[in-house]
PDB file of N, CA and C in Angstrom:
ATOM      1  N   MET A   1      -3.333   6.482  10.545  1.00  0.00           N
ATOM      2  CA  MET A   1      -3.000   5.103  10.841  1.00  0.00           C
ATOM      3  C   MET A   1      -1.476   4.971  10.882  1.00  0.00           C
ATOM      4  N   THR A   2      -0.979   4.346  11.933  1.00  0.00           N
ATOM      5  CA  THR A   2       0.454   4.149  12.091  1.00  0.00           C
ATOM      6  C   THR A   2       0.811   2.680  11.912  1.00  0.00           C
ATOM      7  N   ARG A   3       2.107   2.396  11.882  1.00  0.00           N
ATOM      8  CA  ARG A   3       2.552   1.007  11.780  1.00  0.00           C
ATOM      9  C   ARG A   3       2.009   0.166  12.930  1.00  0.00           C
ATOM     10  N   GLN A   4       1.931   0.762  14.121  1.00  0.00           N
ATOM     11  CA  GLN A   4       1.449   0.032  15.281  1.00  0.00           C
ATOM     12  C   GLN A   4      -0.015  -0.380  15.112  1.00  0.00           C
ATOM     13  N   ASP A   5      -0.766   0.341  14.308  1.00  0.00           N
ATOM     14  CA  ASP A   5      -2.159  -0.006  14.049  1.00  0.00           C
ATOM     15  C   ASP A   5      -2.285  -1.190  13.098  1.00  0.00           C
ATOM     16  N   CYS A   6      -1.284  -1.428  12.278  1.00  0.00           N
ATOM     17  CA  CYS A   6      -1.369  -2.440  11.219  1.00  0.00           C
ATOM     18  C   CYS A   6      -0.473  -3.649  11.431  1.00  0.00           C
ATOM     19  N   ILE A   7       0.605  -3.490  12.179  1.00  0.00           N
ATOM     20  CA  ILE A   7       1.612  -4.541  12.306  1.00  0.00           C
ATOM     21  C   ILE A   7       1.734  -4.952  13.764  1.00  0.00           C
ATOM     22  N   THR A   8       1.853  -6.249  13.986  1.00  0.00           N
ATOM     23  CA  THR A   8       2.026  -6.758  15.344  1.00  0.00           C
ATOM     24  C   THR A   8       3.059  -7.872  15.338  1.00  0.00           C
ATOM     25  N   ILE A   9       3.610  -8.156  16.506  1.00  0.00           N
ATOM     26  CA  ILE A   9       4.545  -9.263  16.677  1.00  0.00           C
ATOM     27  C   ILE A   9       4.021 -10.130  17.808  1.00  0.00           C
ATOM     28  N   ASP A  10       3.835 -11.416  17.510  1.00  0.00           N
ATOM     29  CA  ASP A  10       3.355 -12.374  18.500  1.00  0.00           C
ATOM     30  C   ASP A  10       4.257 -13.602  18.412  1.00  0.00           C
ATOM     31  N   PRO A  11       4.958 -13.947  19.489  1.00  0.00           N
ATOM     32  CA  PRO A  11       5.871 -15.085  19.435  1.00  0.00           C
ATOM     33  C   PRO A  11       5.183 -16.406  19.078  1.00  0.00           C
ATOM     34  N   ASP A  12       3.871 -16.481  19.253  1.00  0.00           N
ATOM     35  CA  ASP A  12       3.134 -17.710  18.938  1.00  0.00           C
ATOM     36  C   ASP A  12       2.658 -17.770  17.486  1.00  0.00           C
ATOM     37  N   VAL A  13       2.865 -16.705  16.717  1.00  0.00           N
ATOM     38  CA  VAL A  13       2.420 -16.660  15.324  1.00  0.00           C
ATOM     39  C   VAL A  13       3.638 -16.432  14.430  1.00  0.00           C
ATOM     40  N   LEU A  14       3.850 -17.324  13.482  1.00  0.00           N
ATOM     41  CA  LEU A  14       4.964 -17.255  12.518  1.00  0.00           C
ATOM     42  C   LEU A  14       6.307 -17.026  13.196  1.00  0.00           C
ATOM     43  N   ALA A  15       6.520 -17.701  14.318  1.00  0.00           N
ATOM     44  CA  ALA A  15       7.796 -17.654  15.048  1.00  0.00           C
ATOM     45  C   ALA A  15       8.205 -16.233  15.426  1.00  0.00           C
ATOM     46  N   GLY A  16       7.229 -15.372  15.662  1.00  0.00           N
ATOM     47  CA  GLY A  16       7.524 -14.017  16.119  1.00  0.00           C
ATOM     48  C   GLY A  16       7.858 -13.011  15.037  1.00  0.00           C
ATOM     49  N   LYS A  17       7.676 -13.386  13.771  1.00  0.00           N
ATOM     50  CA  LYS A  17       7.907 -12.429  12.682  1.00  0.00           C
ATOM     51  C   LYS A  17       6.835 -11.337  12.736  1.00  0.00           C
ATOM     52  N   PRO A  18       7.153 -10.118  12.308  1.00  0.00           N
ATOM     53  CA  PRO A  18       6.118  -9.080  12.215  1.00  0.00           C
ATOM     54  C   PRO A  18       5.052  -9.506  11.208  1.00  0.00           C
ATOM     55  N   ILE A  19       3.780  -9.349  11.600  1.00  0.00           N
ATOM     56  CA  ILE A  19       2.669  -9.748  10.739  1.00  0.00           C
ATOM     57  C   ILE A  19       1.652  -8.624  10.629  1.00  0.00           C
ATOM     58  N   VAL A  20       0.829  -8.704   9.600  1.00  0.00           N
ATOM     59  CA  VAL A  20      -0.307  -7.804   9.454  1.00  0.00           C
ATOM     60  C   VAL A  20      -1.296  -8.197  10.546  1.00  0.00           C
ATOM     61  N   LYS A  21      -1.713  -7.232  11.335  1.00  0.00           N
ATOM     62  CA  LYS A  21      -2.574  -7.493  12.498  1.00  0.00           C
ATOM     63  C   LYS A  21      -3.817  -8.289  12.116  1.00  0.00           C
ATOM     64  N   ARG A  22      -4.171  -9.241  12.972  1.00  0.00           N
ATOM     65  CA  ARG A  22      -5.337 -10.120  12.839  1.00  0.00           C
ATOM     66  C   ARG A  22      -5.240 -11.061  11.627  1.00  0.00           C
ATOM     67  N   THR A  23      -4.020 -11.321  11.134  1.00  0.00           N
ATOM     68  CA  THR A  23      -3.810 -12.277  10.040  1.00  0.00           C
ATOM     69  C   THR A  23      -2.585 -13.115  10.359  1.00  0.00           C
ATOM     70  N   ARG A  24      -2.268 -14.018   9.472  1.00  0.00           N
ATOM     71  CA  ARG A  24      -1.000 -14.754   9.544  1.00  0.00           C
ATOM     72  C   ARG A  24      -0.148 -14.404   8.318  1.00  0.00           C
ATOM     73  N   ILE A  25      -0.304 -13.192   7.826  1.00  0.00           N
ATOM     74  CA  ILE A  25       0.456 -12.723   6.669  1.00  0.00           C
ATOM     75  C   ILE A  25       1.643 -11.911   7.190  1.00  0.00           C
ATOM     76  N   SER A  26       2.849 -12.360   6.849  1.00  0.00           N
ATOM     77  CA  SER A  26       4.033 -11.669   7.354  1.00  0.00           C
ATOM     78  C   SER A  26       4.281 -10.379   6.564  1.00  0.00           C
ATOM     79  N   VAL A  27       4.864  -9.425   7.259  1.00  0.00           N
ATOM     80  CA  VAL A  27       5.240  -8.164   6.619  1.00  0.00           C
ATOM     81  C   VAL A  27       6.267  -8.440   5.527  1.00  0.00           C
ATOM     82  N   GLU A  28       7.162  -9.371   5.773  1.00  0.00           N
ATOM     83  CA  GLU A  28       8.160  -9.755   4.778  1.00  0.00           C
ATOM     84  C   GLU A  28       7.497 -10.228   3.486  1.00  0.00           C
ATOM     85  N   PHE A  29       6.444 -11.037   3.596  1.00  0.00           N
ATOM     86  CA  PHE A  29       5.715 -11.547   2.439  1.00  0.00           C
ATOM     87  C   PHE A  29       5.098 -10.396   1.638  1.00  0.00           C
ATOM     88  N   VAL A  30       4.464  -9.470   2.335  1.00  0.00           N
ATOM     89  CA  VAL A  30       3.830  -8.330   1.659  1.00  0.00           C
ATOM     90  C   VAL A  30       4.882  -7.485   0.951  1.00  0.00           C
ATOM     91  N   LEU A  31       5.990  -7.214   1.612  1.00  0.00           N
ATOM     92  CA  LEU A  31       7.044  -6.412   0.986  1.00  0.00           C
ATOM     93  C   LEU A  31       7.642  -7.112  -0.228  1.00  0.00           C
ATOM     94  N   ASP A  32       7.810  -8.433  -0.140  1.00  0.00           N
ATOM     95  CA  ASP A  32       8.301  -9.190  -1.301  1.00  0.00           C
ATOM     96  C   ASP A  32       7.327  -9.091  -2.470  1.00  0.00           C
ATOM     97  N   LEU A  33       6.032  -9.211  -2.186  1.00  0.00           N
ATOM     98  CA  LEU A  33       5.034  -9.107  -3.255  1.00  0.00           C
ATOM     99  C   LEU A  33       5.046  -7.710  -3.884  1.00  0.00           C
ATOM    100  N   LEU A  34       5.069  -6.702  -3.047  1.00  0.00           N
ATOM    101  CA  LEU A  34       5.057  -5.335  -3.571  1.00  0.00           C
ATOM    102  C   LEU A  34       6.332  -5.032  -4.341  1.00  0.00           C
ATOM    103  N   GLY A  35       7.437  -5.575  -3.892  1.00  0.00           N
ATOM    104  CA  GLY A  35       8.702  -5.345  -4.578  1.00  0.00           C
ATOM    105  C   GLY A  35       8.770  -6.050  -5.923  1.00  0.00           C
ATOM    106  N   GLY A  36       8.164  -7.218  -6.011  1.00  0.00           N
ATOM    107  CA  GLY A  36       8.218  -7.999  -7.242  1.00  0.00           C
ATOM    108  C   GLY A  36       7.013  -7.783  -8.131  1.00  0.00           C
ATOM    109  N   ALA A  37       5.843  -7.936  -7.565  1.00  0.00           N
ATOM    110  CA  ALA A  37       4.620  -7.854  -8.361  1.00  0.00           C
ATOM    111  C   ALA A  37       4.198  -6.413  -8.600  1.00  0.00           C
ATOM    112  N   GLY A  38       4.322  -5.587  -7.575  1.00  0.00           N
ATOM    113  CA  GLY A  38       3.984  -4.186  -7.731  1.00  0.00           C
ATOM    114  C   GLY A  38       2.506  -3.855  -7.669  1.00  0.00           C
ATOM    115  N   ARG A  39       1.631  -4.827  -7.553  1.00  0.00           N
ATOM    116  CA  ARG A  39       0.188  -4.571  -7.509  1.00  0.00           C
ATOM    117  C   ARG A  39      -0.358  -4.962  -6.148  1.00  0.00           C
ATOM    118  N   ARG A  40      -0.807  -3.995  -5.399  1.00  0.00           N
ATOM    119  CA  ARG A  40      -1.331  -4.234  -4.068  1.00  0.00           C
ATOM    120  C   ARG A  40      -2.558  -5.135  -4.090  1.00  0.00           C
ATOM    121  N   SER A  41      -3.380  -5.017  -5.110  1.00  0.00           N
ATOM    122  CA  SER A  41      -4.616  -5.803  -5.168  1.00  0.00           C
ATOM    123  C   SER A  41      -4.323  -7.298  -5.228  1.00  0.00           C
ATOM    124  N   ARG A  42      -3.187  -7.687  -5.779  1.00  0.00           N
ATOM    125  CA  ARG A  42      -2.843  -9.102  -5.874  1.00  0.00           C
ATOM    126  C   ARG A  42      -2.326  -9.661  -4.555  1.00  0.00           C
ATOM    127  N   CYS A  43      -1.846  -8.796  -3.662  1.00  0.00           N
ATOM    128  CA  CYS A  43      -1.267  -9.270  -2.408  1.00  0.00           C
ATOM    129  C   CYS A  43      -2.258 -10.042  -1.575  1.00  0.00           C
ATOM    130  N   PHE A  44      -3.488  -9.578  -1.523  1.00  0.00           N
ATOM    131  CA  PHE A  44      -4.474 -10.194  -0.665  1.00  0.00           C
ATOM    132  C   PHE A  44      -5.601 -10.862  -1.438  1.00  0.00           C
ATOM    133  N   ALA A  45      -5.418 -11.080  -2.714  1.00  0.00           N
ATOM    134  CA  ALA A  45      -6.462 -11.656  -3.547  1.00  0.00           C
ATOM    135  C   ALA A  45      -6.857 -13.061  -3.106  1.00  0.00           C
ATOM    136  N   ASN A  46      -5.907 -13.832  -2.589  1.00  0.00           N
ATOM    137  CA  ASN A  46      -6.187 -15.212  -2.212  1.00  0.00           C
ATOM    138  C   ASN A  46      -6.306 -15.411  -0.718  1.00  0.00           C
ATOM    139  N   THR A  47      -6.542 -14.360   0.039  1.00  0.00           N
ATOM    140  CA  THR A  47      -6.684 -14.490   1.477  1.00  0.00           C
ATOM    141  C   THR A  47      -8.143 -14.337   1.880  1.00  0.00           C
ATOM    142  N   THR A  48      -8.465 -14.856   3.014  1.00  0.00           N
ATOM    143  CA  THR A  48      -9.811 -14.702   3.546  1.00  0.00           C
ATOM    144  C   THR A  48      -9.729 -13.960   4.869  1.00  0.00           C
ATOM    145  N   THR A  49     -10.814 -13.330   5.258  1.00  0.00           N
ATOM    146  CA  THR A  49     -10.823 -12.604   6.526  1.00  0.00           C
ATOM    147  C   THR A  49     -11.729 -13.284   7.506  1.00  0.00           C
TER     148      THR A  49
END
């Protein structure tokens, strides 16, 4: 799996910020969570698919 498989940029979603594909979760948000919280399981605990 490559970055292209997981990350996309769409000018109509979050003003063109890189996002996790098929979500509205920005890559910046995930990196901030991982940098601060350190637990991957908490990153998506409150999201729905």
